[in-house]
N, C-alpha and C. Protein backbone atom coordinates (compact mmCIF):
# COMPACT_ATOMS: atom_id res chain seq x y z
N MET A 1 -12.18 -12.29 62.89
CA MET A 1 -13.12 -12.53 61.81
C MET A 1 -13.13 -14.01 61.45
N LYS A 2 -14.32 -14.51 61.20
CA LYS A 2 -14.44 -15.89 60.74
C LYS A 2 -13.91 -15.99 59.32
N GLU A 3 -13.29 -17.13 59.03
CA GLU A 3 -12.79 -17.39 57.68
C GLU A 3 -13.72 -18.39 57.01
N VAL A 4 -14.29 -17.98 55.89
CA VAL A 4 -15.32 -18.74 55.19
C VAL A 4 -14.88 -18.95 53.75
N THR A 5 -15.25 -20.10 53.20
CA THR A 5 -15.03 -20.36 51.78
C THR A 5 -16.39 -20.36 51.09
N LEU A 6 -16.46 -19.73 49.94
CA LEU A 6 -17.71 -19.65 49.17
C LEU A 6 -17.42 -20.06 47.73
N TYR A 7 -18.11 -21.09 47.29
CA TYR A 7 -18.07 -21.49 45.88
C TYR A 7 -19.38 -21.05 45.24
N THR A 8 -19.30 -20.53 44.02
CA THR A 8 -20.51 -20.06 43.33
C THR A 8 -20.48 -20.46 41.86
N ASP A 9 -21.68 -20.58 41.29
CA ASP A 9 -21.79 -20.80 39.85
C ASP A 9 -23.17 -20.39 39.39
N GLY A 10 -23.24 -19.96 38.15
CA GLY A 10 -24.50 -19.64 37.50
C GLY A 10 -24.60 -20.41 36.21
N ALA A 11 -25.83 -20.66 35.78
CA ALA A 11 -26.05 -21.41 34.54
C ALA A 11 -27.33 -20.92 33.90
N CYS A 12 -27.39 -21.05 32.59
CA CYS A 12 -28.55 -20.59 31.84
C CYS A 12 -28.82 -21.55 30.68
N SER A 13 -30.10 -21.78 30.40
CA SER A 13 -30.49 -22.57 29.24
C SER A 13 -30.96 -21.58 28.18
N GLY A 14 -30.06 -21.23 27.28
CA GLY A 14 -30.29 -20.09 26.42
C GLY A 14 -29.72 -18.88 27.15
N ASN A 15 -29.45 -17.83 26.44
CA ASN A 15 -28.86 -16.66 27.08
C ASN A 15 -29.34 -15.41 26.36
N PRO A 16 -30.53 -14.89 26.68
CA PRO A 16 -31.30 -15.17 27.90
C PRO A 16 -32.16 -16.43 27.80
N GLY A 17 -32.61 -16.84 28.96
CA GLY A 17 -33.48 -18.00 29.09
C GLY A 17 -33.62 -18.33 30.56
N PRO A 18 -34.19 -19.49 30.87
CA PRO A 18 -34.29 -19.88 32.28
C PRO A 18 -32.88 -20.12 32.83
N GLY A 19 -32.66 -19.62 34.03
CA GLY A 19 -31.33 -19.73 34.61
C GLY A 19 -31.38 -20.06 36.08
N GLY A 20 -30.25 -20.53 36.57
CA GLY A 20 -30.14 -20.86 37.99
C GLY A 20 -28.77 -20.51 38.51
N TRP A 21 -28.69 -20.46 39.81
CA TRP A 21 -27.41 -20.22 40.48
C TRP A 21 -27.28 -21.20 41.63
N GLY A 22 -26.05 -21.51 41.97
CA GLY A 22 -25.77 -22.37 43.11
C GLY A 22 -24.62 -21.80 43.90
N ALA A 23 -24.66 -22.00 45.20
CA ALA A 23 -23.59 -21.52 46.07
C ALA A 23 -23.41 -22.51 47.23
N ILE A 24 -22.18 -22.65 47.64
CA ILE A 24 -21.86 -23.48 48.80
C ILE A 24 -20.97 -22.67 49.73
N LEU A 25 -21.45 -22.48 50.95
CA LEU A 25 -20.68 -21.82 52.00
C LEU A 25 -20.04 -22.90 52.87
N ILE A 26 -18.77 -22.73 53.19
CA ILE A 26 -18.06 -23.69 54.04
C ILE A 26 -17.41 -22.91 55.17
N TYR A 27 -17.73 -23.32 56.40
CA TYR A 27 -17.11 -22.74 57.59
C TYR A 27 -16.76 -23.90 58.51
N LYS A 28 -15.48 -24.14 58.70
CA LYS A 28 -14.99 -25.29 59.46
C LYS A 28 -15.63 -26.56 58.89
N ASP A 29 -16.37 -27.31 59.70
CA ASP A 29 -17.01 -28.54 59.23
C ASP A 29 -18.43 -28.32 58.71
N TYR A 30 -18.90 -27.09 58.72
CA TYR A 30 -20.27 -26.77 58.33
C TYR A 30 -20.32 -26.40 56.85
N LYS A 31 -21.29 -26.97 56.15
CA LYS A 31 -21.50 -26.63 54.73
C LYS A 31 -22.96 -26.28 54.53
N LYS A 32 -23.20 -25.23 53.78
CA LYS A 32 -24.57 -24.82 53.46
C LYS A 32 -24.67 -24.66 51.95
N GLU A 33 -25.62 -25.37 51.34
CA GLU A 33 -25.87 -25.26 49.91
C GLU A 33 -27.10 -24.39 49.68
N MET A 34 -27.02 -23.56 48.66
CA MET A 34 -28.12 -22.67 48.30
C MET A 34 -28.29 -22.66 46.80
N SER A 35 -29.51 -22.40 46.35
CA SER A 35 -29.74 -22.24 44.92
C SER A 35 -30.98 -21.40 44.69
N GLY A 36 -31.09 -20.91 43.48
CA GLY A 36 -32.24 -20.10 43.08
C GLY A 36 -32.16 -19.87 41.59
N GLY A 37 -33.01 -19.03 41.09
CA GLY A 37 -32.96 -18.74 39.66
C GLY A 37 -34.11 -17.87 39.21
N ASP A 38 -34.25 -17.80 37.90
CA ASP A 38 -35.26 -16.95 37.28
C ASP A 38 -35.66 -17.56 35.94
N LYS A 39 -36.91 -17.34 35.57
CA LYS A 39 -37.42 -17.90 34.31
C LYS A 39 -36.81 -17.23 33.08
N GLU A 40 -36.42 -15.99 33.20
CA GLU A 40 -35.86 -15.25 32.06
C GLU A 40 -34.68 -14.41 32.57
N THR A 41 -33.48 -14.88 32.28
CA THR A 41 -32.30 -14.22 32.82
C THR A 41 -31.11 -14.48 31.90
N THR A 42 -29.94 -14.08 32.33
CA THR A 42 -28.71 -14.34 31.58
C THR A 42 -27.72 -15.08 32.47
N ASN A 43 -26.74 -15.68 31.84
CA ASN A 43 -25.70 -16.39 32.59
C ASN A 43 -24.95 -15.42 33.51
N ASN A 44 -24.60 -14.24 33.01
CA ASN A 44 -23.86 -13.29 33.85
C ASN A 44 -24.66 -12.86 35.07
N LYS A 45 -25.97 -12.66 34.89
CA LYS A 45 -26.80 -12.30 36.04
C LYS A 45 -26.79 -13.41 37.08
N MET A 46 -26.84 -14.65 36.63
CA MET A 46 -26.84 -15.78 37.57
C MET A 46 -25.49 -15.93 38.26
N GLU A 47 -24.41 -15.66 37.55
CA GLU A 47 -23.08 -15.71 38.18
C GLU A 47 -22.97 -14.67 39.29
N LEU A 48 -23.41 -13.45 39.02
CA LEU A 48 -23.36 -12.40 40.04
C LEU A 48 -24.31 -12.70 41.19
N THR A 49 -25.50 -13.20 40.87
CA THR A 49 -26.49 -13.50 41.91
C THR A 49 -26.00 -14.58 42.85
N ALA A 50 -25.31 -15.59 42.33
CA ALA A 50 -24.78 -16.65 43.18
C ALA A 50 -23.83 -16.06 44.23
N ALA A 51 -22.95 -15.17 43.81
CA ALA A 51 -22.02 -14.54 44.75
C ALA A 51 -22.77 -13.68 45.76
N ILE A 52 -23.72 -12.89 45.28
CA ILE A 52 -24.49 -12.01 46.16
C ILE A 52 -25.22 -12.82 47.23
N GLU A 53 -25.94 -13.84 46.80
CA GLU A 53 -26.73 -14.63 47.75
C GLU A 53 -25.84 -15.37 48.75
N GLY A 54 -24.71 -15.88 48.29
CA GLY A 54 -23.78 -16.52 49.22
C GLY A 54 -23.25 -15.56 50.25
N LEU A 55 -22.86 -14.37 49.81
CA LEU A 55 -22.34 -13.36 50.74
C LEU A 55 -23.41 -12.81 51.66
N LYS A 56 -24.62 -12.66 51.15
CA LYS A 56 -25.72 -12.16 51.99
C LYS A 56 -26.10 -13.15 53.09
N ALA A 57 -25.79 -14.41 52.89
CA ALA A 57 -26.12 -15.43 53.90
C ALA A 57 -25.23 -15.32 55.13
N LEU A 58 -24.12 -14.61 55.03
CA LEU A 58 -23.22 -14.43 56.16
C LEU A 58 -23.80 -13.39 57.11
N LYS A 59 -23.85 -13.70 58.38
CA LYS A 59 -24.53 -12.85 59.36
C LYS A 59 -23.63 -11.78 59.99
N GLU A 60 -22.35 -11.83 59.67
CA GLU A 60 -21.39 -10.86 60.21
C GLU A 60 -20.25 -10.71 59.20
N PRO A 61 -19.44 -9.65 59.33
CA PRO A 61 -18.30 -9.51 58.42
C PRO A 61 -17.36 -10.71 58.56
N CYS A 62 -16.92 -11.24 57.44
CA CYS A 62 -16.05 -12.42 57.41
C CYS A 62 -14.92 -12.21 56.42
N ARG A 63 -13.87 -13.02 56.58
CA ARG A 63 -12.85 -13.17 55.55
C ARG A 63 -13.35 -14.28 54.65
N VAL A 64 -13.51 -13.98 53.39
CA VAL A 64 -14.13 -14.93 52.46
C VAL A 64 -13.17 -15.22 51.31
N LYS A 65 -12.99 -16.50 51.03
CA LYS A 65 -12.35 -16.92 49.79
C LYS A 65 -13.48 -17.32 48.87
N LEU A 66 -13.72 -16.49 47.85
CA LEU A 66 -14.82 -16.71 46.91
C LEU A 66 -14.26 -17.31 45.62
N TYR A 67 -14.72 -18.52 45.32
CA TYR A 67 -14.29 -19.23 44.11
C TYR A 67 -15.41 -19.18 43.07
N SER A 68 -15.06 -18.80 41.86
CA SER A 68 -16.03 -18.74 40.76
C SER A 68 -15.34 -19.05 39.45
N ASP A 69 -16.09 -19.65 38.52
CA ASP A 69 -15.54 -19.87 37.18
C ASP A 69 -15.95 -18.74 36.23
N SER A 70 -16.52 -17.67 36.78
CA SER A 70 -16.97 -16.53 35.98
C SER A 70 -15.88 -15.46 35.89
N LYS A 71 -15.31 -15.32 34.70
CA LYS A 71 -14.34 -14.23 34.48
C LYS A 71 -15.04 -12.88 34.62
N TYR A 72 -16.29 -12.82 34.24
CA TYR A 72 -17.08 -11.58 34.36
C TYR A 72 -17.09 -11.11 35.81
N LEU A 73 -17.39 -12.00 36.74
CA LEU A 73 -17.40 -11.65 38.16
C LEU A 73 -15.99 -11.37 38.67
N ILE A 74 -15.10 -12.31 38.47
CA ILE A 74 -13.75 -12.18 39.03
C ILE A 74 -13.02 -10.95 38.47
N ASP A 75 -13.01 -10.81 37.15
CA ASP A 75 -12.33 -9.65 36.54
C ASP A 75 -13.05 -8.35 36.86
N GLY A 76 -14.37 -8.40 36.95
CA GLY A 76 -15.14 -7.20 37.26
C GLY A 76 -14.73 -6.57 38.58
N ILE A 77 -14.31 -7.41 39.53
CA ILE A 77 -13.86 -6.90 40.83
C ILE A 77 -12.34 -6.75 40.87
N THR A 78 -11.60 -7.81 40.52
CA THR A 78 -10.15 -7.76 40.71
C THR A 78 -9.45 -6.80 39.76
N LYS A 79 -10.06 -6.53 38.62
CA LYS A 79 -9.49 -5.56 37.68
C LYS A 79 -10.14 -4.19 37.81
N ASP A 80 -10.98 -4.05 38.85
CA ASP A 80 -11.64 -2.79 39.20
C ASP A 80 -12.57 -2.25 38.11
N TRP A 81 -13.05 -3.12 37.23
CA TRP A 81 -13.99 -2.67 36.21
C TRP A 81 -15.24 -2.07 36.86
N ALA A 82 -15.83 -2.79 37.82
CA ALA A 82 -17.09 -2.33 38.42
C ALA A 82 -16.92 -1.00 39.15
N ARG A 83 -15.82 -0.85 39.86
CA ARG A 83 -15.58 0.41 40.56
C ARG A 83 -15.39 1.56 39.56
N SER A 84 -14.72 1.26 38.47
CA SER A 84 -14.52 2.26 37.42
C SER A 84 -15.85 2.64 36.78
N TRP A 85 -16.68 1.64 36.48
CA TRP A 85 -18.01 1.93 35.90
C TRP A 85 -18.82 2.80 36.85
N ARG A 86 -18.78 2.45 38.14
CA ARG A 86 -19.54 3.22 39.13
C ARG A 86 -19.03 4.67 39.18
N ALA A 87 -17.72 4.85 39.18
CA ALA A 87 -17.12 6.19 39.24
C ALA A 87 -17.50 7.03 38.02
N LYS A 88 -17.76 6.36 36.90
CA LYS A 88 -18.12 7.05 35.65
C LYS A 88 -19.64 7.08 35.45
N GLY A 89 -20.40 6.91 36.53
CA GLY A 89 -21.86 6.93 36.41
C GLY A 89 -22.40 5.70 35.69
N TRP A 90 -21.75 4.56 35.95
CA TRP A 90 -22.13 3.26 35.37
C TRP A 90 -22.02 3.25 33.85
N LYS A 91 -20.93 3.89 33.39
CA LYS A 91 -20.58 3.84 31.97
C LYS A 91 -19.25 3.11 31.83
N LYS A 92 -19.13 2.32 30.76
CA LYS A 92 -17.90 1.60 30.49
C LYS A 92 -16.90 2.54 29.81
N SER A 93 -15.69 2.07 29.61
CA SER A 93 -14.65 2.92 29.01
C SER A 93 -15.01 3.37 27.60
N ASP A 94 -15.87 2.60 26.91
CA ASP A 94 -16.29 2.99 25.56
C ASP A 94 -17.50 3.93 25.58
N GLY A 95 -17.95 4.31 26.79
CA GLY A 95 -19.06 5.24 26.93
C GLY A 95 -20.43 4.57 26.96
N LYS A 96 -20.46 3.27 26.66
CA LYS A 96 -21.73 2.55 26.69
C LYS A 96 -22.12 2.25 28.14
N PRO A 97 -23.43 2.09 28.40
CA PRO A 97 -23.85 1.79 29.77
C PRO A 97 -23.36 0.41 30.22
N ALA A 98 -22.95 0.33 31.48
CA ALA A 98 -22.60 -0.96 32.07
C ALA A 98 -23.87 -1.78 32.24
N LEU A 99 -23.73 -3.07 32.15
CA LEU A 99 -24.87 -3.98 32.34
C LEU A 99 -24.92 -4.47 33.78
N ASN A 100 -26.10 -4.88 34.21
CA ASN A 100 -26.31 -5.49 35.53
C ASN A 100 -25.89 -4.58 36.68
N VAL A 101 -26.16 -3.30 36.53
CA VAL A 101 -25.75 -2.30 37.52
C VAL A 101 -26.30 -2.63 38.91
N ASP A 102 -27.56 -3.04 38.98
CA ASP A 102 -28.16 -3.35 40.29
C ASP A 102 -27.38 -4.46 41.00
N LEU A 103 -26.92 -5.45 40.25
CA LEU A 103 -26.17 -6.55 40.84
C LEU A 103 -24.75 -6.12 41.20
N TRP A 104 -24.11 -5.35 40.34
CA TRP A 104 -22.77 -4.86 40.65
C TRP A 104 -22.79 -3.96 41.89
N GLU A 105 -23.84 -3.16 42.05
CA GLU A 105 -23.93 -2.32 43.24
C GLU A 105 -23.96 -3.17 44.51
N GLN A 106 -24.71 -4.27 44.45
CA GLN A 106 -24.77 -5.17 45.61
C GLN A 106 -23.42 -5.83 45.87
N ILE A 107 -22.76 -6.28 44.81
CA ILE A 107 -21.44 -6.91 44.97
C ILE A 107 -20.47 -5.92 45.62
N LEU A 108 -20.45 -4.69 45.13
CA LEU A 108 -19.52 -3.70 45.68
C LEU A 108 -19.82 -3.40 47.14
N THR A 109 -21.09 -3.33 47.50
CA THR A 109 -21.46 -3.11 48.90
C THR A 109 -21.00 -4.27 49.78
N LEU A 110 -21.24 -5.48 49.31
CA LEU A 110 -20.81 -6.67 50.06
C LEU A 110 -19.29 -6.76 50.13
N ASP A 111 -18.62 -6.35 49.07
CA ASP A 111 -17.16 -6.35 49.04
C ASP A 111 -16.59 -5.39 50.08
N GLU A 112 -17.30 -4.30 50.35
CA GLU A 112 -16.85 -3.35 51.36
C GLU A 112 -17.14 -3.84 52.78
N TYR A 113 -18.12 -4.72 52.93
CA TYR A 113 -18.53 -5.26 54.23
C TYR A 113 -17.62 -6.42 54.67
N HIS A 114 -17.29 -7.28 53.72
CA HIS A 114 -16.46 -8.45 54.00
C HIS A 114 -15.05 -8.22 53.44
N GLU A 115 -14.10 -9.03 53.90
CA GLU A 115 -12.77 -9.07 53.30
C GLU A 115 -12.79 -10.26 52.35
N ILE A 116 -12.85 -9.99 51.05
CA ILE A 116 -13.05 -11.05 50.08
C ILE A 116 -11.83 -11.20 49.18
N GLU A 117 -11.38 -12.44 49.06
CA GLU A 117 -10.37 -12.80 48.08
C GLU A 117 -11.10 -13.54 46.96
N TYR A 118 -11.01 -13.01 45.75
CA TYR A 118 -11.71 -13.58 44.60
C TYR A 118 -10.75 -14.50 43.85
N ILE A 119 -11.18 -15.74 43.64
CA ILE A 119 -10.32 -16.75 43.02
C ILE A 119 -11.06 -17.38 41.85
N TRP A 120 -10.44 -17.30 40.68
CA TRP A 120 -11.04 -17.92 39.50
C TRP A 120 -10.66 -19.39 39.45
N VAL A 121 -11.65 -20.24 39.15
CA VAL A 121 -11.40 -21.66 38.92
C VAL A 121 -11.93 -22.01 37.54
N LYS A 122 -11.26 -22.90 36.87
CA LYS A 122 -11.71 -23.35 35.56
C LYS A 122 -12.99 -24.17 35.74
N GLY A 123 -14.02 -23.80 34.99
CA GLY A 123 -15.29 -24.51 35.08
C GLY A 123 -15.22 -25.88 34.44
N HIS A 124 -16.01 -26.79 34.96
CA HIS A 124 -16.13 -28.15 34.41
C HIS A 124 -14.77 -28.83 34.28
N ALA A 125 -13.92 -28.61 35.30
CA ALA A 125 -12.57 -29.16 35.26
C ALA A 125 -12.30 -30.08 36.45
N GLY A 126 -13.36 -30.55 37.09
CA GLY A 126 -13.19 -31.53 38.15
C GLY A 126 -13.13 -30.99 39.56
N ASN A 127 -13.24 -29.66 39.75
CA ASN A 127 -13.30 -29.14 41.12
C ASN A 127 -14.64 -29.55 41.72
N PRO A 128 -14.65 -30.37 42.77
CA PRO A 128 -15.92 -30.93 43.26
C PRO A 128 -16.94 -29.87 43.71
N TYR A 129 -16.48 -28.80 44.33
CA TYR A 129 -17.43 -27.77 44.77
C TYR A 129 -17.97 -26.96 43.61
N ASN A 130 -17.10 -26.66 42.64
CA ASN A 130 -17.57 -25.95 41.45
C ASN A 130 -18.57 -26.82 40.69
N GLU A 131 -18.28 -28.09 40.58
CA GLU A 131 -19.20 -29.01 39.89
C GLU A 131 -20.53 -29.10 40.63
N ARG A 132 -20.49 -29.15 41.95
CA ARG A 132 -21.73 -29.22 42.74
C ARG A 132 -22.54 -27.94 42.57
N CYS A 133 -21.91 -26.79 42.56
CA CYS A 133 -22.63 -25.53 42.34
C CYS A 133 -23.30 -25.53 40.97
N ASP A 134 -22.60 -26.04 39.97
CA ASP A 134 -23.19 -26.13 38.63
C ASP A 134 -24.43 -27.03 38.66
N ARG A 135 -24.34 -28.18 39.33
CA ARG A 135 -25.50 -29.08 39.41
C ARG A 135 -26.67 -28.42 40.12
N LEU A 136 -26.39 -27.65 41.18
CA LEU A 136 -27.44 -26.93 41.89
C LEU A 136 -28.12 -25.92 40.96
N ALA A 137 -27.31 -25.17 40.21
CA ALA A 137 -27.84 -24.15 39.30
C ALA A 137 -28.68 -24.78 38.20
N VAL A 138 -28.16 -25.82 37.57
CA VAL A 138 -28.88 -26.48 36.48
C VAL A 138 -30.17 -27.11 36.99
N ALA A 139 -30.11 -27.76 38.14
CA ALA A 139 -31.32 -28.39 38.71
C ALA A 139 -32.40 -27.35 38.96
N PHE A 140 -31.99 -26.16 39.40
CA PHE A 140 -32.99 -25.13 39.68
C PHE A 140 -33.66 -24.68 38.38
N TYR A 141 -32.87 -24.36 37.35
CA TYR A 141 -33.52 -23.88 36.12
C TYR A 141 -34.27 -24.98 35.41
N GLU A 142 -33.85 -26.22 35.56
CA GLU A 142 -34.60 -27.33 34.96
C GLU A 142 -36.01 -27.39 35.57
N GLY A 143 -36.10 -27.07 36.85
CA GLY A 143 -37.40 -27.04 37.53
C GLY A 143 -38.29 -25.89 37.08
N LEU A 144 -37.70 -24.90 36.42
CA LEU A 144 -38.49 -23.75 35.94
C LEU A 144 -39.11 -24.01 34.57
N LYS A 145 -38.58 -24.99 33.86
CA LYS A 145 -39.04 -25.23 32.48
C LYS A 145 -40.42 -25.87 32.47
């Protein structure tokens, strides 16, 4: 299996509001930058979308080190929140509906396809790839305004 590094970030101007996501895939000496967004979205949706789009860009199953500053994404997978919500019919432990079900379903499917190690990084703390993903996300939503 190829070993790939994926950095992701989402950003929003207002929450909800115009938002963007950025992702950087790194494989050996190859780097691919991606971005996108939506005119009316939330920060959490953009964080999940960045991971989804980065993983969907991979053409075969890979070992992926996925770096994100989103506790929502990282904890949602590593603490098995999303799997638990799915097992309970997309209900949280308090009985309320889980949010962003369509995106979590995609993440879980991609998680089963790839071997992914989820790594939390502190946002805006000088990690060059995290900072670049943030700039990609912000630039995209700025273009939507």
